[in-house]
Amino acid sequence: MGRFTSGVTVITTVDEGRVHGMTANAFLSVSIDPPLVLISLAKESRMAALLPTTGRYGVNVLAEHQRTHSQHFAGRPVPGLAPEFQFTDEHAFLPGSMAQIGCDLVSTHEAGDHVLHIGHVTHLAHSDGEPLVFFTGAYRALYSDGDDNRAS
């Protein structure tokens, strides 16, 4: 699966006033109407255990300049990094993320050694910038040849 280029997200949830976060690239849009997204988490992860209790999660789509946040929330703490969060409707978001998606958990589905968590989008904000991408076990940059092939 490492041959599939993906964006990088940090999933957050708030439990008893404390923000919990983890890096994940298993994120996708499920439906536009109603707006639903899905995250896939290992059954044994702390986040998978917390979501049924908290009932909500935030998806932070990371920008290229947030590589250290990706590493930090992937279990490789970055010395001196003390992540700060912005709160919207009880969702925790990392300032500077390319997109901030707040979700209320609507269903979970076991799938092998993972649990799929489907969330109803209740908050959406985005900004411009370069995305943080991941391919074959490494961070990558997008390349643009300057050719705009969009239809007029």
N, C-alpha and C. Protein backbone atom coordinates (compact mmCIF):
# COMPACT_ATOMS: atom_id res chain seq x y z
N MET A 1 0.80 -1.20 0.00
CA MET A 1 0.00 0.00 0.00
C MET A 1 0.85 1.27 0.00
N GLY A 2 2.15 1.10 0.23
CA GLY A 2 3.03 2.24 0.24
C GLY A 2 3.19 2.91 -1.12
N ARG A 3 2.71 2.27 -2.17
CA ARG A 3 2.79 2.84 -3.52
C ARG A 3 1.64 3.81 -3.80
N PHE A 4 0.76 3.98 -2.83
CA PHE A 4 -0.35 4.92 -2.98
C PHE A 4 0.02 6.21 -2.25
N THR A 5 0.13 7.30 -2.98
CA THR A 5 0.47 8.58 -2.37
C THR A 5 -0.73 9.08 -1.59
N SER A 6 -0.48 9.54 -0.37
CA SER A 6 -1.57 10.03 0.46
C SER A 6 -1.18 11.32 1.14
N GLY A 7 -2.19 12.04 1.55
CA GLY A 7 -1.97 13.19 2.41
C GLY A 7 -1.71 12.70 3.81
N VAL A 8 -1.36 13.61 4.69
CA VAL A 8 -1.09 13.26 6.08
C VAL A 8 -2.03 14.06 6.96
N THR A 9 -2.65 13.37 7.91
CA THR A 9 -3.56 14.04 8.83
C THR A 9 -3.13 13.76 10.27
N VAL A 10 -3.56 14.64 11.15
CA VAL A 10 -3.51 14.36 12.57
C VAL A 10 -4.96 14.33 13.03
N ILE A 11 -5.34 13.19 13.60
CA ILE A 11 -6.69 13.01 14.14
C ILE A 11 -6.64 13.41 15.61
N THR A 12 -7.63 14.20 16.03
CA THR A 12 -7.68 14.63 17.43
C THR A 12 -9.04 14.31 18.03
N THR A 13 -9.04 14.13 19.33
CA THR A 13 -10.28 14.05 20.09
C THR A 13 -9.99 14.62 21.47
N VAL A 14 -11.03 15.09 22.13
CA VAL A 14 -10.87 15.70 23.45
C VAL A 14 -11.60 14.82 24.46
N ASP A 15 -10.86 14.37 25.46
CA ASP A 15 -11.43 13.52 26.51
C ASP A 15 -11.11 14.15 27.86
N GLU A 16 -12.16 14.50 28.59
CA GLU A 16 -12.02 15.13 29.91
C GLU A 16 -11.06 16.32 29.86
N GLY A 17 -11.22 17.15 28.83
CA GLY A 17 -10.44 18.37 28.71
C GLY A 17 -9.03 18.19 28.17
N ARG A 18 -8.63 16.98 27.88
CA ARG A 18 -7.28 16.71 27.37
C ARG A 18 -7.35 16.31 25.90
N VAL A 19 -6.50 16.95 25.08
CA VAL A 19 -6.46 16.64 23.65
C VAL A 19 -5.57 15.43 23.42
N HIS A 20 -6.07 14.47 22.67
CA HIS A 20 -5.31 13.30 22.23
C HIS A 20 -5.20 13.40 20.71
N GLY A 21 -4.03 13.11 20.18
CA GLY A 21 -3.84 13.18 18.74
C GLY A 21 -2.99 12.04 18.23
N MET A 22 -3.20 11.71 16.96
CA MET A 22 -2.38 10.69 16.30
C MET A 22 -2.32 10.97 14.81
N THR A 23 -1.17 10.67 14.23
CA THR A 23 -0.98 10.83 12.79
C THR A 23 -1.65 9.66 12.07
N ALA A 24 -2.33 9.99 10.98
CA ALA A 24 -2.99 8.94 10.19
C ALA A 24 -3.04 9.39 8.73
N ASN A 25 -2.88 8.44 7.82
CA ASN A 25 -3.09 8.76 6.41
C ASN A 25 -4.25 7.97 5.84
N ALA A 26 -4.91 7.17 6.67
CA ALA A 26 -6.08 6.40 6.24
C ALA A 26 -7.33 7.24 6.51
N PHE A 27 -7.58 8.18 5.61
CA PHE A 27 -8.68 9.14 5.71
C PHE A 27 -9.29 9.31 4.33
N LEU A 28 -10.62 9.37 4.25
CA LEU A 28 -11.25 9.60 2.95
C LEU A 28 -12.65 10.15 3.10
N SER A 29 -13.10 10.77 2.04
CA SER A 29 -14.47 11.27 1.96
C SER A 29 -15.37 10.09 1.59
N VAL A 30 -16.51 9.98 2.28
CA VAL A 30 -17.44 8.89 2.02
C VAL A 30 -18.65 9.38 1.25
N SER A 31 -19.19 10.54 1.63
CA SER A 31 -20.44 11.03 1.06
C SER A 31 -20.47 12.55 1.10
N ILE A 32 -21.09 13.14 0.08
CA ILE A 32 -21.27 14.59 0.07
C ILE A 32 -22.59 14.96 0.75
N ASP A 33 -23.63 14.15 0.55
CA ASP A 33 -24.94 14.44 1.12
C ASP A 33 -25.52 13.19 1.75
N PRO A 34 -25.41 13.04 3.07
CA PRO A 34 -24.85 13.98 4.03
C PRO A 34 -23.32 13.94 3.97
N PRO A 35 -22.66 15.00 4.48
CA PRO A 35 -21.20 15.02 4.45
C PRO A 35 -20.61 14.05 5.47
N LEU A 36 -19.99 12.98 4.96
CA LEU A 36 -19.40 11.94 5.81
C LEU A 36 -17.95 11.70 5.41
N VAL A 37 -17.11 11.47 6.41
CA VAL A 37 -15.72 11.08 6.17
C VAL A 37 -15.41 9.85 7.01
N LEU A 38 -14.31 9.19 6.66
CA LEU A 38 -13.93 7.95 7.33
C LEU A 38 -12.46 8.02 7.73
N ILE A 39 -12.16 7.53 8.92
CA ILE A 39 -10.78 7.30 9.33
C ILE A 39 -10.67 5.83 9.72
N SER A 40 -9.53 5.25 9.42
CA SER A 40 -9.28 3.85 9.74
C SER A 40 -8.16 3.80 10.77
N LEU A 41 -8.45 3.20 11.93
CA LEU A 41 -7.50 3.16 13.03
C LEU A 41 -7.26 1.72 13.47
N ALA A 42 -6.03 1.42 13.84
CA ALA A 42 -5.72 0.09 14.38
C ALA A 42 -6.57 -0.15 15.63
N LYS A 43 -7.12 -1.36 15.74
CA LYS A 43 -7.96 -1.70 16.89
C LYS A 43 -7.26 -1.43 18.21
N GLU A 44 -5.96 -1.66 18.25
CA GLU A 44 -5.20 -1.54 19.49
C GLU A 44 -4.76 -0.12 19.80
N SER A 45 -5.09 0.84 18.93
CA SER A 45 -4.64 2.21 19.16
C SER A 45 -5.46 2.87 20.27
N ARG A 46 -4.82 3.79 20.96
CA ARG A 46 -5.50 4.55 22.02
C ARG A 46 -6.67 5.34 21.43
N MET A 47 -6.48 5.92 20.24
CA MET A 47 -7.52 6.72 19.61
C MET A 47 -8.76 5.88 19.32
N ALA A 48 -8.58 4.66 18.84
CA ALA A 48 -9.73 3.79 18.56
C ALA A 48 -10.51 3.50 19.83
N ALA A 49 -9.84 3.41 20.95
CA ALA A 49 -10.51 3.18 22.23
C ALA A 49 -11.23 4.43 22.72
N LEU A 50 -10.69 5.61 22.43
CA LEU A 50 -11.27 6.86 22.92
C LEU A 50 -12.51 7.31 22.14
N LEU A 51 -12.53 7.10 20.83
CA LEU A 51 -13.61 7.67 20.00
C LEU A 51 -15.02 7.24 20.41
N PRO A 52 -15.26 5.99 20.77
CA PRO A 52 -16.63 5.65 21.21
C PRO A 52 -17.05 6.42 22.46
N THR A 53 -16.08 6.81 23.29
CA THR A 53 -16.38 7.58 24.50
C THR A 53 -16.60 9.05 24.20
N THR A 54 -15.71 9.64 23.39
CA THR A 54 -15.81 11.08 23.11
C THR A 54 -16.89 11.40 22.09
N GLY A 55 -17.11 10.48 21.13
CA GLY A 55 -18.17 10.66 20.14
C GLY A 55 -17.87 11.68 19.06
N ARG A 56 -16.64 12.17 19.00
CA ARG A 56 -16.29 13.15 17.96
C ARG A 56 -14.80 13.12 17.72
N TYR A 57 -14.42 13.60 16.53
CA TYR A 57 -13.01 13.72 16.21
C TYR A 57 -12.79 14.87 15.25
N GLY A 58 -11.55 15.38 15.27
CA GLY A 58 -11.13 16.40 14.32
C GLY A 58 -10.10 15.81 13.39
N VAL A 59 -10.15 16.24 12.14
CA VAL A 59 -9.17 15.84 11.15
C VAL A 59 -8.41 17.09 10.74
N ASN A 60 -7.12 17.07 10.95
CA ASN A 60 -6.24 18.17 10.56
C ASN A 60 -5.45 17.71 9.34
N VAL A 61 -5.74 18.26 8.17
CA VAL A 61 -4.99 17.92 6.97
C VAL A 61 -3.73 18.78 7.00
N LEU A 62 -2.59 18.13 7.14
CA LEU A 62 -1.36 18.86 7.38
C LEU A 62 -0.77 19.52 6.14
N ALA A 63 -0.20 20.69 6.38
CA ALA A 63 0.54 21.41 5.35
C ALA A 63 2.00 20.96 5.40
N GLU A 64 2.72 21.22 4.33
CA GLU A 64 4.11 20.77 4.22
C GLU A 64 4.96 21.24 5.40
N HIS A 65 4.70 22.43 5.90
CA HIS A 65 5.49 22.97 7.01
C HIS A 65 5.18 22.30 8.35
N GLN A 66 4.23 21.36 8.38
CA GLN A 66 3.86 20.69 9.63
C GLN A 66 4.43 19.29 9.75
N ARG A 67 5.51 19.01 9.06
CA ARG A 67 6.14 17.69 9.11
C ARG A 67 6.47 17.29 10.55
N THR A 68 6.96 18.23 11.36
CA THR A 68 7.30 17.89 12.75
C THR A 68 6.07 17.48 13.54
N HIS A 69 4.91 18.07 13.23
CA HIS A 69 3.67 17.66 13.90
C HIS A 69 3.32 16.22 13.52
N SER A 70 3.50 15.88 12.25
CA SER A 70 3.24 14.51 11.81
C SER A 70 4.10 13.53 12.59
N GLN A 71 5.37 13.83 12.70
CA GLN A 71 6.29 12.94 13.42
C GLN A 71 5.93 12.86 14.90
N HIS A 72 5.63 13.99 15.48
CA HIS A 72 5.30 14.05 16.91
C HIS A 72 4.09 13.17 17.24
N PHE A 73 3.03 13.31 16.44
CA PHE A 73 1.82 12.55 16.72
C PHE A 73 1.86 11.12 16.19
N ALA A 74 2.96 10.76 15.53
CA ALA A 74 3.17 9.38 15.09
C ALA A 74 3.98 8.60 16.12
N GLY A 75 4.20 9.21 17.29
CA GLY A 75 4.91 8.51 18.35
C GLY A 75 6.39 8.78 18.38
N ARG A 76 6.84 9.76 17.60
CA ARG A 76 8.25 10.15 17.62
C ARG A 76 8.32 11.60 18.09
N PRO A 77 8.18 11.81 19.42
CA PRO A 77 8.13 13.18 19.95
C PRO A 77 9.31 14.02 19.48
N VAL A 78 8.99 15.25 19.11
CA VAL A 78 9.98 16.20 18.64
C VAL A 78 10.38 17.08 19.83
N PRO A 79 11.65 17.02 20.25
CA PRO A 79 12.09 17.84 21.39
C PRO A 79 11.74 19.31 21.19
N GLY A 80 11.15 19.90 22.21
CA GLY A 80 10.80 21.32 22.18
C GLY A 80 9.47 21.63 21.53
N LEU A 81 8.86 20.66 20.84
CA LEU A 81 7.57 20.92 20.21
C LEU A 81 6.46 20.77 21.24
N ALA A 82 5.72 21.82 21.45
CA ALA A 82 4.57 21.81 22.36
C ALA A 82 3.35 22.24 21.56
N PRO A 83 2.68 21.28 20.90
CA PRO A 83 1.56 21.63 20.03
C PRO A 83 0.48 22.42 20.77
N GLU A 84 -0.01 23.45 20.09
CA GLU A 84 -1.13 24.22 20.61
C GLU A 84 -2.32 23.93 19.72
N PHE A 85 -3.50 24.10 20.28
CA PHE A 85 -4.72 23.77 19.56
C PHE A 85 -5.68 24.94 19.58
N GLN A 86 -6.49 25.02 18.52
CA GLN A 86 -7.64 25.92 18.47
C GLN A 86 -8.87 25.03 18.64
N PHE A 87 -9.87 25.54 19.32
CA PHE A 87 -11.07 24.75 19.56
C PHE A 87 -12.27 25.35 18.85
N THR A 88 -13.01 24.49 18.16
CA THR A 88 -14.26 24.88 17.50
C THR A 88 -15.26 23.77 17.78
N ASP A 89 -16.37 24.12 18.40
CA ASP A 89 -17.43 23.13 18.67
C ASP A 89 -16.89 21.86 19.33
N GLU A 90 -16.03 22.03 20.32
CA GLU A 90 -15.44 20.92 21.08
C GLU A 90 -14.50 20.03 20.27
N HIS A 91 -14.08 20.51 19.11
CA HIS A 91 -13.07 19.82 18.31
C HIS A 91 -11.76 20.57 18.45
N ALA A 92 -10.65 19.83 18.49
CA ALA A 92 -9.32 20.44 18.61
C ALA A 92 -8.63 20.43 17.25
N PHE A 93 -8.10 21.60 16.86
CA PHE A 93 -7.43 21.72 15.57
C PHE A 93 -6.06 22.35 15.73
N LEU A 94 -5.13 21.92 14.87
CA LEU A 94 -3.79 22.48 14.83
C LEU A 94 -3.81 23.73 13.93
N PRO A 95 -3.43 24.88 14.47
CA PRO A 95 -3.35 26.07 13.63
C PRO A 95 -2.38 25.84 12.48
N GLY A 96 -2.72 26.36 11.31
CA GLY A 96 -1.86 26.21 10.14
C GLY A 96 -2.15 25.00 9.29
N SER A 97 -3.08 24.16 9.72
CA SER A 97 -3.46 22.99 8.91
C SER A 97 -4.14 23.46 7.63
N MET A 98 -3.98 22.69 6.56
CA MET A 98 -4.61 23.05 5.29
C MET A 98 -6.12 22.91 5.33
N ALA A 99 -6.60 21.96 6.12
CA ALA A 99 -8.04 21.79 6.30
C ALA A 99 -8.27 21.32 7.72
N GLN A 100 -9.38 21.77 8.28
CA GLN A 100 -9.80 21.37 9.62
C GLN A 100 -11.23 20.88 9.50
N ILE A 101 -11.42 19.61 9.82
CA ILE A 101 -12.72 18.96 9.63
C ILE A 101 -13.18 18.40 10.96
N GLY A 102 -14.28 18.93 11.47
CA GLY A 102 -14.85 18.46 12.73
C GLY A 102 -15.96 17.47 12.45
N CYS A 103 -15.94 16.34 13.15
CA CYS A 103 -16.90 15.26 12.88
C CYS A 103 -17.53 14.74 14.16
N ASP A 104 -18.81 14.41 14.06
CA ASP A 104 -19.49 13.66 15.10
C ASP A 104 -19.52 12.21 14.64
N LEU A 105 -19.09 11.31 15.49
CA LEU A 105 -19.04 9.88 15.15
C LEU A 105 -20.44 9.34 14.94
N VAL A 106 -20.68 8.71 13.78
CA VAL A 106 -22.00 8.14 13.50
C VAL A 106 -22.00 6.62 13.46
N SER A 107 -20.86 6.01 13.11
CA SER A 107 -20.82 4.55 13.12
C SER A 107 -19.38 4.05 13.11
N THR A 108 -19.22 2.81 13.58
CA THR A 108 -17.92 2.15 13.53
C THR A 108 -18.11 0.77 12.93
N HIS A 109 -17.10 0.31 12.24
CA HIS A 109 -17.15 -0.99 11.58
C HIS A 109 -15.80 -1.67 11.72
N GLU A 110 -15.78 -2.87 12.26
CA GLU A 110 -14.53 -3.62 12.35
C GLU A 110 -14.15 -4.11 10.96
N ALA A 111 -12.86 -4.01 10.65
CA ALA A 111 -12.34 -4.46 9.36
C ALA A 111 -10.93 -5.00 9.59
N GLY A 112 -10.83 -6.31 9.76
CA GLY A 112 -9.53 -6.92 10.02
C GLY A 112 -8.97 -6.41 11.34
N ASP A 113 -7.73 -5.92 11.31
CA ASP A 113 -7.11 -5.42 12.54
C ASP A 113 -7.36 -3.92 12.75
N HIS A 114 -8.29 -3.35 11.99
CA HIS A 114 -8.62 -1.94 12.10
C HIS A 114 -10.11 -1.74 12.39
N VAL A 115 -10.44 -0.53 12.79
CA VAL A 115 -11.83 -0.12 12.97
C VAL A 115 -12.03 1.12 12.12
N LEU A 116 -13.08 1.10 11.31
CA LEU A 116 -13.45 2.24 10.47
C LEU A 116 -14.41 3.12 11.26
N HIS A 117 -14.08 4.40 11.38
CA HIS A 117 -14.90 5.35 12.13
C HIS A 117 -15.47 6.36 11.15
N ILE A 118 -16.77 6.31 10.94
CA ILE A 118 -17.44 7.24 10.03
C ILE A 118 -17.97 8.41 10.83
N GLY A 119 -17.63 9.61 10.35
CA GLY A 119 -18.05 10.81 11.04
C GLY A 119 -18.86 11.73 10.15
N HIS A 120 -19.87 12.36 10.75
CA HIS A 120 -20.67 13.38 10.07
C HIS A 120 -19.95 14.72 10.24
N VAL A 121 -19.64 15.36 9.13
CA VAL A 121 -18.90 16.62 9.16
C VAL A 121 -19.82 17.74 9.67
N THR A 122 -19.37 18.36 10.77
CA THR A 122 -20.13 19.48 11.35
C THR A 122 -19.35 20.79 11.27
N HIS A 123 -18.08 20.71 10.92
CA HIS A 123 -17.24 21.91 10.78
C HIS A 123 -16.23 21.67 9.67
N LEU A 124 -16.03 22.68 8.84
CA LEU A 124 -15.06 22.57 7.76
C LEU A 124 -14.44 23.95 7.51
N ALA A 125 -13.13 24.00 7.56
CA ALA A 125 -12.38 25.21 7.23
C ALA A 125 -11.15 24.79 6.45
N HIS A 126 -10.68 25.66 5.56
CA HIS A 126 -9.49 25.33 4.79
C HIS A 126 -8.71 26.59 4.45
N SER A 127 -7.45 26.38 4.07
CA SER A 127 -6.59 27.48 3.67
C SER A 127 -5.69 27.02 2.53
N ASP A 128 -5.00 27.96 1.93
CA ASP A 128 -4.07 27.63 0.85
C ASP A 128 -2.74 27.18 1.41
N GLY A 129 -1.94 26.59 0.56
CA GLY A 129 -0.62 26.16 0.95
C GLY A 129 -0.24 24.88 0.23
N GLU A 130 0.91 24.36 0.59
CA GLU A 130 1.39 23.10 0.01
C GLU A 130 1.10 21.96 0.98
N PRO A 131 0.52 20.86 0.49
CA PRO A 131 0.18 19.75 1.38
C PRO A 131 1.39 18.90 1.75
N LEU A 132 1.30 18.28 2.92
CA LEU A 132 2.28 17.27 3.32
C LEU A 132 1.81 15.95 2.73
N VAL A 133 2.67 15.31 1.95
CA VAL A 133 2.29 14.04 1.31
C VAL A 133 3.28 12.95 1.71
N PHE A 134 2.81 11.70 1.59
CA PHE A 134 3.57 10.54 2.01
C PHE A 134 3.53 9.49 0.92
N PHE A 135 4.71 8.93 0.60
CA PHE A 135 4.81 7.93 -0.46
C PHE A 135 6.01 7.04 -0.19
N THR A 136 5.83 5.74 -0.26
CA THR A 136 6.88 4.72 -0.04
C THR A 136 7.67 4.96 1.25
N GLY A 137 6.94 5.29 2.32
CA GLY A 137 7.57 5.43 3.62
C GLY A 137 8.31 6.72 3.87
N ALA A 138 8.10 7.72 3.01
CA ALA A 138 8.80 8.99 3.18
C ALA A 138 7.89 10.16 2.82
N TYR A 139 8.21 11.31 3.40
CA TYR A 139 7.51 12.54 3.02
C TYR A 139 7.99 12.95 1.64
N ARG A 140 7.08 13.52 0.87
CA ARG A 140 7.41 13.96 -0.49
C ARG A 140 6.83 15.35 -0.73
N ALA A 141 7.26 15.95 -1.83
CA ALA A 141 6.71 17.23 -2.25
C ALA A 141 5.96 17.01 -3.56
N LEU A 142 4.94 17.79 -3.76
CA LEU A 142 4.23 17.73 -5.04
C LEU A 142 5.03 18.50 -6.08
N TYR A 143 4.96 18.04 -7.29
CA TYR A 143 5.65 18.70 -8.39
C TYR A 143 4.60 19.25 -9.34
N SER A 144 4.81 20.47 -9.77
CA SER A 144 3.93 21.07 -10.75
C SER A 144 4.78 21.52 -11.92
N ASP A 145 4.37 21.13 -13.12
CA ASP A 145 5.14 21.55 -14.29
C ASP A 145 4.67 22.91 -14.81
N GLY A 146 3.75 23.52 -14.07
CA GLY A 146 3.26 24.84 -14.46
C GLY A 146 2.19 24.78 -15.53
N ASP A 147 1.89 23.59 -16.02
CA ASP A 147 0.88 23.42 -17.06
C ASP A 147 -0.48 23.26 -16.38
N ASP A 148 -1.35 24.18 -16.61
CA ASP A 148 -2.68 24.14 -16.02
C ASP A 148 -3.62 23.46 -17.01
N ASN A 149 -3.98 22.22 -16.72
CA ASN A 149 -4.82 21.45 -17.64
C ASN A 149 -6.31 21.51 -17.31
N ARG A 150 -6.70 22.44 -16.47
CA ARG A 150 -8.12 22.54 -16.13
C ARG A 150 -8.92 23.03 -17.32
N ALA A 151 -10.13 22.53 -17.42
CA ALA A 151 -11.02 22.97 -18.49
C ALA A 151 -11.44 24.42 -18.26
N SER A 152 -11.56 25.16 -19.31
CA SER A 152 -11.95 26.58 -19.20
C SER A 152 -13.45 26.70 -19.13
